Amino acid sequence: MRLLVIEDEPKVGHAVQEGLQAEGYEVALAETGEDGFFLASSLSFDLIVLDVMLPGRNGLEILAALRKQNSAVQVLILTAKDAIEDRVAGLDAGADDYLVKPFAFPELSARIRALLRRGKSEPVTPLRIGTLEMDSVTRTVLREGLRLELTAREFELLEFLVRNHGRVVSREMLARDVWKEPVRATPLDNVIDVHVARLRKKLDDPFASKLLHTVRGVGFMLSEEIP
């Protein structure tokens, strides 16, 4: 497995690199945002450990650029900020997991193993619902043959709805399984509703038939039929 660590604190970066190499990974290290983005864009990695606060390009800018290139590499963000808004921003940009500094190396290692296992089980066949087709590997979405430009969070939200096609999905389920927040809270409900509205605008507004439905008082459903 090839990993890339993008971390500007030399002591932290080298410690992480050496620890992961001791576990059998091939690890490259970049100490600036520009160097990290160059390596991530030009070479193939199974996972990236990405610091947020970097000289040059910051971690969220790097992540957003990679996802815009349809890169499906697993990304674990390192951040010194633990506010829900900061975690939501990282996940919205396309992160697969995050770890707050300071952290214990065994936890970082365990999270990396979990992400790599998840990557191996990623489906390789497109998901289809009526005229909607989405590919989880290339992270592309088509409806009636037209490509939909979705953010990383919108893609994850739609993928979860597609996998639960025909079933009502509650905000609590979305908070837990898409936003990775074990405890549902009112501010997060508002964030979820905003993302659902933005997804509906792209997924349904340009087309005659509607797929994304709100079930009042319960949640949302992706269905070719009105629930």
Foldseek 3Di string as FASTA:
>chain_A
DEEEEEAQPVVVQVVLCVVVVVVPYHYHYHNAPVVRLVCPVPDDGQEYEAEQDGPDHGRLRSLLVCVVQLAPHAYEYEYQDDDLVVLQSSVQSPHPYYDHPPDDSVVVVVVVVVSSVVVVPQDQDWQDDPQWTAGSRSGWIDGVRHTFDDGNLLSLVVVVQSVVAPDFDALCNCCCPRSVHNDDDPVVVVVVVVSLVVSQCRQPVVDDFGFWDADPPGHIHGYSDHD
